[in-house]
Amino acid sequence: MKPLPTSCPKCAGLFVVGYPIDFGSHGAAVVPTWCEGTPQEAWLGGGITAPPQRKRIPMTALRCSECGYVETYARPRFEAKGDEFC
């Protein structure tokens, strides 16, 4: 897998690894995930049905330390290994 970029395409500043955070039911913090396809409305309405866990890919974000530009990526695992992420 190709390594994530380390510098900002907008200003060439240094990217810092982080992640988007969302709040689920009862205020619990969760890492957003990317799911293929279109959302399906829940049968009771007022939301969408959650896809199976195997179809969810966690998201991570890179933020430029200079200009604040953010890029998001969805990969099965995000663990720092030197200058690469897998």
PDB file of N, CA and C in Angstrom:
ATOM      1  N   MET A   1       0.845  -1.173   0.000  1.00  0.00           N
ATOM      2  CA  MET A   1       0.000   0.000   0.000  1.00  0.00           C
ATOM      3  C   MET A   1       0.897   1.244   0.000  1.00  0.00           C
ATOM      4  N   LYS A   2       0.535   2.202  -0.789  1.00  0.00           N
ATOM      5  CA  LYS A   2       1.292   3.439  -0.914  1.00  0.00           C
ATOM      6  C   LYS A   2       1.247   4.235   0.404  1.00  0.00           C
ATOM      7  N   PRO A   3       2.396   4.777   0.847  1.00  0.00           N
ATOM      8  CA  PRO A   3       2.390   5.558   2.083  1.00  0.00           C
ATOM      9  C   PRO A   3       1.586   6.845   1.930  1.00  0.00           C
ATOM     10  N   LEU A   4       1.041   7.324   3.028  1.00  0.00           N
ATOM     11  CA  LEU A   4       0.316   8.591   3.018  1.00  0.00           C
ATOM     12  C   LEU A   4       1.305   9.738   2.836  1.00  0.00           C
ATOM     13  N   PRO A   5       0.862  10.850   2.267  1.00  0.00           N
ATOM     14  CA  PRO A   5       1.760  11.988   2.087  1.00  0.00           C
ATOM     15  C   PRO A   5       2.198  12.562   3.438  1.00  0.00           C
ATOM     16  N   THR A   6       3.375  13.160   3.451  1.00  0.00           N
ATOM     17  CA  THR A   6       3.880  13.772   4.679  1.00  0.00           C
ATOM     18  C   THR A   6       3.854  15.286   4.609  1.00  0.00           C
ATOM     19  N   SER A   7       3.625  15.828   3.397  1.00  0.00           N
ATOM     20  CA  SER A   7       3.582  17.284   3.268  1.00  0.00           C
ATOM     21  C   SER A   7       2.310  17.728   2.551  1.00  0.00           C
ATOM     22  N   CYS A   8       1.864  18.926   2.864  1.00  0.00           N
ATOM     23  CA  CYS A   8       0.633  19.502   2.349  1.00  0.00           C
ATOM     24  C   CYS A   8       0.753  19.848   0.865  1.00  0.00           C
ATOM     25  N   PRO A   9      -0.230  19.455   0.037  1.00  0.00           N
ATOM     26  CA  PRO A   9      -0.186  19.809  -1.376  1.00  0.00           C
ATOM     27  C   PRO A   9      -0.507  21.284  -1.618  1.00  0.00           C
ATOM     28  N   LYS A  10      -1.039  21.974  -0.627  1.00  0.00           N
ATOM     29  CA  LYS A  10      -1.404  23.385  -0.774  1.00  0.00           C
ATOM     30  C   LYS A  10      -0.231  24.311  -0.474  1.00  0.00           C
ATOM     31  N   CYS A  11       0.517  24.023   0.615  1.00  0.00           N
ATOM     32  CA  CYS A  11       1.578  24.960   1.015  1.00  0.00           C
ATOM     33  C   CYS A  11       2.903  24.279   1.339  1.00  0.00           C
ATOM     34  N   ALA A  12       2.976  22.944   1.219  1.00  0.00           N
ATOM     35  CA  ALA A  12       4.173  22.153   1.505  1.00  0.00           C
ATOM     36  C   ALA A  12       4.521  22.092   2.993  1.00  0.00           C
ATOM     37  N   GLY A  13       3.578  22.489   3.869  1.00  0.00           N
ATOM     38  CA  GLY A  13       3.797  22.359   5.313  1.00  0.00           C
ATOM     39  C   GLY A  13       3.761  20.895   5.731  1.00  0.00           C
ATOM     40  N   LEU A  14       4.160  20.612   6.949  1.00  0.00           N
ATOM     41  CA  LEU A  14       4.214  19.254   7.474  1.00  0.00           C
ATOM     42  C   LEU A  14       2.823  18.773   7.889  1.00  0.00           C
ATOM     43  N   PHE A  15       2.434  17.574   7.423  1.00  0.00           N
ATOM     44  CA  PHE A  15       1.169  16.964   7.841  1.00  0.00           C
ATOM     45  C   PHE A  15       1.325  16.351   9.228  1.00  0.00           C
ATOM     46  N   VAL A  16       0.272  16.462  10.038  1.00  0.00           N
ATOM     47  CA  VAL A  16       0.208  15.849  11.357  1.00  0.00           C
ATOM     48  C   VAL A  16      -0.940  14.844  11.324  1.00  0.00           C
ATOM     49  N   VAL A  17      -0.705  13.612  11.803  1.00  0.00           N
ATOM     50  CA  VAL A  17      -1.720  12.564  11.786  1.00  0.00           C
ATOM     51  C   VAL A  17      -2.720  12.774  12.915  1.00  0.00           C
ATOM     52  N   GLY A  18      -3.987  12.573  12.617  1.00  0.00           N
ATOM     53  CA  GLY A  18      -5.045  12.651  13.613  1.00  0.00           C
ATOM     54  C   GLY A  18      -6.229  11.857  13.103  1.00  0.00           C
ATOM     55  N   TYR A  19      -7.382  12.067  13.674  1.00  0.00           N
ATOM     56  CA  TYR A  19      -8.568  11.369  13.206  1.00  0.00           C
ATOM     57  C   TYR A  19      -9.807  12.202  13.464  1.00  0.00           C
ATOM     58  N   PRO A  20     -10.804  12.076  12.574  1.00  0.00           N
ATOM     59  CA  PRO A  20     -12.071  12.745  12.828  1.00  0.00           C
ATOM     60  C   PRO A  20     -12.777  12.013  13.965  1.00  0.00           C
ATOM     61  N   ILE A  21     -13.528  12.731  14.762  1.00  0.00           N
ATOM     62  CA  ILE A  21     -14.269  12.101  15.851  1.00  0.00           C
ATOM     63  C   ILE A  21     -15.731  12.473  15.721  1.00  0.00           C
ATOM     64  N   ASP A  22     -16.586  11.554  16.069  1.00  0.00           N
ATOM     65  CA  ASP A  22     -18.023  11.761  15.982  1.00  0.00           C
ATOM     66  C   ASP A  22     -18.623  11.297  17.297  1.00  0.00           C
ATOM     67  N   PHE A  23     -19.852  11.662  17.539  1.00  0.00           N
ATOM     68  CA  PHE A  23     -20.510  11.249  18.763  1.00  0.00           C
ATOM     69  C   PHE A  23     -21.717  10.411  18.429  1.00  0.00           C
ATOM     70  N   GLY A  24     -21.754   9.196  18.980  1.00  0.00           N
ATOM     71  CA  GLY A  24     -22.846   8.277  18.750  1.00  0.00           C
ATOM     72  C   GLY A  24     -23.931   8.462  19.791  1.00  0.00           C
ATOM     73  N   SER A  25     -24.660   7.414  20.009  1.00  0.00           N
ATOM     74  CA  SER A  25     -25.753   7.481  20.976  1.00  0.00           C
ATOM     75  C   SER A  25     -25.218   7.706  22.383  1.00  0.00           C
ATOM     76  N   HIS A  26     -25.941   8.434  23.150  1.00  0.00           N
ATOM     77  CA  HIS A  26     -25.625   8.738  24.544  1.00  0.00           C
ATOM     78  C   HIS A  26     -24.312   9.501  24.692  1.00  0.00           C
ATOM     79  N   GLY A  27     -23.892  10.211  23.650  1.00  0.00           N
ATOM     80  CA  GLY A  27     -22.707  11.054  23.728  1.00  0.00           C
ATOM     81  C   GLY A  27     -21.381  10.323  23.668  1.00  0.00           C
ATOM     82  N   ALA A  28     -21.381   9.046  23.321  1.00  0.00           N
ATOM     83  CA  ALA A  28     -20.136   8.279  23.241  1.00  0.00           C
ATOM     84  C   ALA A  28     -19.313   8.752  22.042  1.00  0.00           C
ATOM     85  N   ALA A  29     -18.014   8.965  22.250  1.00  0.00           N
ATOM     86  CA  ALA A  29     -17.126   9.366  21.164  1.00  0.00           C
ATOM     87  C   ALA A  29     -16.774   8.145  20.322  1.00  0.00           C
ATOM     88  N   VAL A  30     -16.856   8.283  18.994  1.00  0.00           N
ATOM     89  CA  VAL A  30     -16.531   7.197  18.073  1.00  0.00           C
ATOM     90  C   VAL A  30     -15.726   7.752  16.900  1.00  0.00           C
ATOM     91  N   VAL A  31     -14.882   6.912  16.315  1.00  0.00           N
ATOM     92  CA  VAL A  31     -14.144   7.288  15.116  1.00  0.00           C
ATOM     93  C   VAL A  31     -15.057   7.038  13.926  1.00  0.00           C
ATOM     94  N   PRO A  32     -15.272   8.043  13.078  1.00  0.00           N
ATOM     95  CA  PRO A  32     -16.122   7.836  11.904  1.00  0.00           C
ATOM     96  C   PRO A  32     -15.558   6.754  10.996  1.00  0.00           C
ATOM     97  N   THR A  33     -16.436   6.114  10.261  1.00  0.00           N
ATOM     98  CA  THR A  33     -16.019   5.083   9.325  1.00  0.00           C
ATOM     99  C   THR A  33     -16.566   5.399   7.946  1.00  0.00           C
ATOM    100  N   TRP A  34     -15.903   4.864   6.939  1.00  0.00           N
ATOM    101  CA  TRP A  34     -16.353   5.003   5.561  1.00  0.00           C
ATOM    102  C   TRP A  34     -17.056   3.713   5.184  1.00  0.00           C
ATOM    103  N   CYS A  35     -18.206   3.835   4.526  1.00  0.00           N
ATOM    104  CA  CYS A  35     -18.977   2.672   4.091  1.00  0.00           C
ATOM    105  C   CYS A  35     -19.316   2.836   2.618  1.00  0.00           C
ATOM    106  N   GLU A  36     -19.095   1.783   1.839  1.00  0.00           N
ATOM    107  CA  GLU A  36     -19.398   1.824   0.408  1.00  0.00           C
ATOM    108  C   GLU A  36     -20.902   1.817   0.178  1.00  0.00           C
ATOM    109  N   GLY A  37     -21.330   2.483  -0.868  1.00  0.00           N
ATOM    110  CA  GLY A  37     -22.733   2.470  -1.247  1.00  0.00           C
ATOM    111  C   GLY A  37     -23.490   3.669  -0.702  1.00  0.00           C
ATOM    112  N   THR A  38     -24.799   3.557  -0.721  1.00  0.00           N
ATOM    113  CA  THR A  38     -25.649   4.639  -0.233  1.00  0.00           C
ATOM    114  C   THR A  38     -26.284   4.235   1.091  1.00  0.00           C
ATOM    115  N   PRO A  39     -26.552   5.200   1.973  1.00  0.00           N
ATOM    116  CA  PRO A  39     -27.164   4.857   3.256  1.00  0.00           C
ATOM    117  C   PRO A  39     -28.591   4.355   3.071  1.00  0.00           C
ATOM    118  N   GLN A  40     -28.979   3.405   3.896  1.00  0.00           N
ATOM    119  CA  GLN A  40     -30.325   2.842   3.866  1.00  0.00           C
ATOM    120  C   GLN A  40     -31.092   3.348   5.086  1.00  0.00           C
ATOM    121  N   GLU A  41     -32.268   3.899   4.856  1.00  0.00           N
ATOM    122  CA  GLU A  41     -33.061   4.446   5.956  1.00  0.00           C
ATOM    123  C   GLU A  41     -33.493   3.335   6.905  1.00  0.00           C
ATOM    124  N   ALA A  42     -33.396   3.607   8.200  1.00  0.00           N
ATOM    125  CA  ALA A  42     -33.830   2.640   9.209  1.00  0.00           C
ATOM    126  C   ALA A  42     -35.334   2.452   9.114  1.00  0.00           C
ATOM    127  N   TRP A  43     -35.816   1.271   9.412  1.00  0.00           N
ATOM    128  CA  TRP A  43     -37.239   0.988   9.246  1.00  0.00           C
ATOM    129  C   TRP A  43     -38.103   1.807  10.187  1.00  0.00           C
ATOM    130  N   LEU A  44     -37.561   2.261  11.320  1.00  0.00           N
ATOM    131  CA  LEU A  44     -38.327   3.126  12.221  1.00  0.00           C
ATOM    132  C   LEU A  44     -38.193   4.602  11.849  1.00  0.00           C
ATOM    133  N   GLY A  45     -37.358   4.896  10.884  1.00  0.00           N
ATOM    134  CA  GLY A  45     -37.135   6.285  10.475  1.00  0.00           C
ATOM    135  C   GLY A  45     -36.230   7.007  11.449  1.00  0.00           C
ATOM    136  N   GLY A  46     -35.858   8.221  11.100  1.00  0.00           N
ATOM    137  CA  GLY A  46     -35.024   9.020  11.985  1.00  0.00           C
ATOM    138  C   GLY A  46     -33.563   8.633  11.991  1.00  0.00           C
ATOM    139  N   GLY A  47     -33.112   7.879  11.032  1.00  0.00           N
ATOM    140  CA  GLY A  47     -31.706   7.495  10.969  1.00  0.00           C
ATOM    141  C   GLY A  47     -31.465   6.519   9.838  1.00  0.00           C
ATOM    142  N   ILE A  48     -30.283   5.941   9.855  1.00  0.00           N
ATOM    143  CA  ILE A  48     -29.933   4.943   8.845  1.00  0.00           C
ATOM    144  C   ILE A  48     -29.549   3.649   9.542  1.00  0.00           C
ATOM    145  N   THR A  49     -29.621   2.548   8.798  1.00  0.00           N
ATOM    146  CA  THR A  49     -29.197   1.264   9.361  1.00  0.00           C
ATOM    147  C   THR A  49     -27.681   1.181   9.293  1.00  0.00           C
ATOM    148  N   ALA A  50     -27.082   0.607  10.323  1.00  0.00           N
ATOM    149  CA  ALA A  50     -25.630   0.466  10.360  1.00  0.00           C
ATOM    150  C   ALA A  50     -25.214  -0.709   9.478  1.00  0.00           C
ATOM    151  N   PRO A  51     -24.237  -0.497   8.601  1.00  0.00           N
ATOM    152  CA  PRO A  51     -23.761  -1.610   7.783  1.00  0.00           C
ATOM    153  C   PRO A  51     -22.989  -2.597   8.662  1.00  0.00           C
ATOM    154  N   PRO A  52     -22.809  -3.834   8.197  1.00  0.00           N
ATOM    155  CA  PRO A  52     -22.043  -4.806   8.972  1.00  0.00           C
ATOM    156  C   PRO A  52     -20.633  -4.291   9.262  1.00  0.00           C
ATOM    157  N   GLN A  53     -20.084  -4.659  10.408  1.00  0.00           N
ATOM    158  CA  GLN A  53     -18.753  -4.210  10.822  1.00  0.00           C
ATOM    159  C   GLN A  53     -17.704  -4.501   9.757  1.00  0.00           C
ATOM    160  N   ARG A  54     -17.824  -5.646   9.086  1.00  0.00           N
ATOM    161  CA  ARG A  54     -16.826  -6.029   8.082  1.00  0.00           C
ATOM    162  C   ARG A  54     -16.803  -5.074   6.892  1.00  0.00           C
ATOM    163  N   LYS A  55     -17.854  -4.286   6.699  1.00  0.00           N
ATOM    164  CA  LYS A  55     -17.912  -3.343   5.583  1.00  0.00           C
ATOM    165  C   LYS A  55     -17.545  -1.923   5.985  1.00  0.00           C
ATOM    166  N   ARG A  56     -17.142  -1.717   7.238  1.00  0.00           N
ATOM    167  CA  ARG A  56     -16.784  -0.387   7.716  1.00  0.00           C
ATOM    168  C   ARG A  56     -15.271  -0.231   7.730  1.00  0.00           C
ATOM    169  N   ILE A  57     -14.798   0.911   7.247  1.00  0.00           N
ATOM    170  CA  ILE A  57     -13.361   1.190   7.240  1.00  0.00           C
ATOM    171  C   ILE A  57     -13.145   2.473   8.039  1.00  0.00           C
ATOM    172  N   PRO A  58     -12.303   2.428   9.098  1.00  0.00           N
ATOM    173  CA  PRO A  58     -12.082   3.622   9.905  1.00  0.00           C
ATOM    174  C   PRO A  58     -11.395   4.729   9.106  1.00  0.00           C
ATOM    175  N   MET A  59     -11.703   5.953   9.463  1.00  0.00           N
ATOM    176  CA  MET A  59     -11.107   7.110   8.789  1.00  0.00           C
ATOM    177  C   MET A  59     -10.027   7.731   9.660  1.00  0.00           C
ATOM    178  N   THR A  60      -9.005   8.266   9.015  1.00  0.00           N
ATOM    179  CA  THR A  60      -7.990   9.053   9.693  1.00  0.00           C
ATOM    180  C   THR A  60      -7.831  10.344   8.912  1.00  0.00           C
ATOM    181  N   ALA A  61      -7.212  11.312   9.514  1.00  0.00           N
ATOM    182  CA  ALA A  61      -7.051  12.608   8.852  1.00  0.00           C
ATOM    183  C   ALA A  61      -5.621  13.100   9.000  1.00  0.00           C
ATOM    184  N   LEU A  62      -5.175  13.808   7.988  1.00  0.00           N
ATOM    185  CA  LEU A  62      -3.885  14.482   8.022  1.00  0.00           C
ATOM    186  C   LEU A  62      -4.167  15.975   7.981  1.00  0.00           C
ATOM    187  N   ARG A  63      -3.584  16.722   8.923  1.00  0.00           N
ATOM    188  CA  ARG A  63      -3.798  18.167   9.002  1.00  0.00           C
ATOM    189  C   ARG A  63      -2.468  18.869   8.828  1.00  0.00           C
ATOM    190  N   CYS A  64      -2.447  19.873   7.955  1.00  0.00           N
ATOM    191  CA  CYS A  64      -1.232  20.647   7.733  1.00  0.00           C
ATOM    192  C   CYS A  64      -0.968  21.527   8.952  1.00  0.00           C
ATOM    193  N   SER A  65       0.241  21.458   9.480  1.00  0.00           N
ATOM    194  CA  SER A  65       0.601  22.252  10.657  1.00  0.00           C
ATOM    195  C   SER A  65       0.807  23.726  10.308  1.00  0.00           C
ATOM    196  N   GLU A  66       0.891  24.046   9.024  1.00  0.00           N
ATOM    197  CA  GLU A  66       1.084  25.435   8.600  1.00  0.00           C
ATOM    198  C   GLU A  66      -0.232  26.130   8.238  1.00  0.00           C
ATOM    199  N   CYS A  67      -0.981  25.553   7.273  1.00  0.00           N
ATOM    200  CA  CYS A  67      -2.178  26.241   6.765  1.00  0.00           C
ATOM    201  C   CYS A  67      -3.496  25.656   7.268  1.00  0.00           C
ATOM    202  N   GLY A  68      -3.463  24.474   7.913  1.00  0.00           N
ATOM    203  CA  GLY A  68      -4.671  23.873   8.447  1.00  0.00           C
ATOM    204  C   GLY A  68      -5.452  23.007   7.464  1.00  0.00           C
ATOM    205  N   TYR A  69      -4.993  22.853   6.240  1.00  0.00           N
ATOM    206  CA  TYR A  69      -5.653  22.003   5.252  1.00  0.00           C
ATOM    207  C   TYR A  69      -5.750  20.579   5.791  1.00  0.00           C
ATOM    208  N   VAL A  70      -6.894  19.906   5.592  1.00  0.00           N
ATOM    209  CA  VAL A  70      -7.100  18.550   6.088  1.00  0.00           C
ATOM    210  C   VAL A  70      -7.467  17.614   4.943  1.00  0.00           C
ATOM    211  N   GLU A  71      -6.814  16.443   4.897  1.00  0.00           N
ATOM    212  CA  GLU A  71      -7.160  15.370   3.971  1.00  0.00           C
ATOM    213  C   GLU A  71      -7.584  14.179   4.811  1.00  0.00           C
ATOM    214  N   THR A  72      -8.640  13.479   4.386  1.00  0.00           N
ATOM    215  CA  THR A  72      -9.067  12.280   5.104  1.00  0.00           C
ATOM    216  C   THR A  72      -8.828  11.045   4.246  1.00  0.00           C
ATOM    217  N   TYR A  73      -8.547   9.935   4.931  1.00  0.00           N
ATOM    218  CA  TYR A  73      -8.279   8.660   4.284  1.00  0.00           C
ATOM    219  C   TYR A  73      -9.042   7.571   5.011  1.00  0.00           C
ATOM    220  N   ALA A  74      -9.449   6.546   4.279  1.00  0.00           N
ATOM    221  CA  ALA A  74     -10.093   5.378   4.866  1.00  0.00           C
ATOM    222  C   ALA A  74      -9.242   4.159   4.511  1.00  0.00           C
ATOM    223  N   ARG A  75      -8.655   3.564   5.527  1.00  0.00           N
ATOM    224  CA  ARG A  75      -7.845   2.361   5.353  1.00  0.00           C
ATOM    225  C   ARG A  75      -8.166   1.416   6.504  1.00  0.00           C
ATOM    226  N   PRO A  76      -8.067   0.101   6.270  1.00  0.00           N
ATOM    227  CA  PRO A  76      -8.415  -0.851   7.326  1.00  0.00           C
ATOM    228  C   PRO A  76      -7.653  -0.651   8.628  1.00  0.00           C
ATOM    229  N   ARG A  77      -6.395  -0.270   8.576  1.00  0.00           N
ATOM    230  CA  ARG A  77      -5.610  -0.063   9.795  1.00  0.00           C
ATOM    231  C   ARG A  77      -4.790   1.199   9.649  1.00  0.00           C
ATOM    232  N   PHE A  78      -4.659   1.934  10.733  1.00  0.00           N
ATOM    233  CA  PHE A  78      -3.807   3.119  10.759  1.00  0.00           C
ATOM    234  C   PHE A  78      -2.887   3.028  11.954  1.00  0.00           C
ATOM    235  N   GLU A  79      -1.684   2.544  11.709  1.00  0.00           N
ATOM    236  CA  GLU A  79      -0.686   2.476  12.749  1.00  0.00           C
ATOM    237  C   GLU A  79       0.583   3.105  12.179  1.00  0.00           C
ATOM    238  N   ALA A  80       1.158   4.034  12.913  1.00  0.00           N
ATOM    239  CA  ALA A  80       2.386   4.678  12.457  1.00  0.00           C
ATOM    240  C   ALA A  80       3.520   3.666  12.456  1.00  0.00           C
ATOM    241  N   LYS A  81       4.222   3.594  11.345  1.00  0.00           N
ATOM    242  CA  LYS A  81       5.407   2.749  11.214  1.00  0.00           C
ATOM    243  C   LYS A  81       6.462   3.577  10.496  1.00  0.00           C
ATOM    244  N   GLY A  82       7.168   4.383  11.255  1.00  0.00           N
ATOM    245  CA  GLY A  82       8.126   5.296  10.637  1.00  0.00           C
ATOM    246  C   GLY A  82       7.371   6.355   9.875  1.00  0.00           C
ATOM    247  N   ASP A  83       7.658   6.494   8.594  1.00  0.00           N
ATOM    248  CA  ASP A  83       6.995   7.477   7.749  1.00  0.00           C
ATOM    249  C   ASP A  83       5.818   6.885   7.001  1.00  0.00           C
ATOM    250  N   GLU A  84       5.471   5.621   7.273  1.00  0.00           N
ATOM    251  CA  GLU A  84       4.379   4.984   6.556  1.00  0.00           C
ATOM    252  C   GLU A  84       3.239   4.651   7.486  1.00  0.00           C
ATOM    253  N   PHE A  85       2.073   4.503   6.917  1.00  0.00           N
ATOM    254  CA  PHE A  85       0.892   4.076   7.650  1.00  0.00           C
ATOM    255  C   PHE A  85       0.304   2.903   6.912  1.00  0.00           C
ATOM    256  N   CYS A  86      -0.206   1.933   7.652  1.00  0.00           N
ATOM    257  CA  CYS A  86      -0.802   0.786   6.961  1.00  0.00           C
ATOM    258  C   CYS A  86      -2.233   0.623   7.409  1.00  0.00           C
TER     259      CYS A  86
END
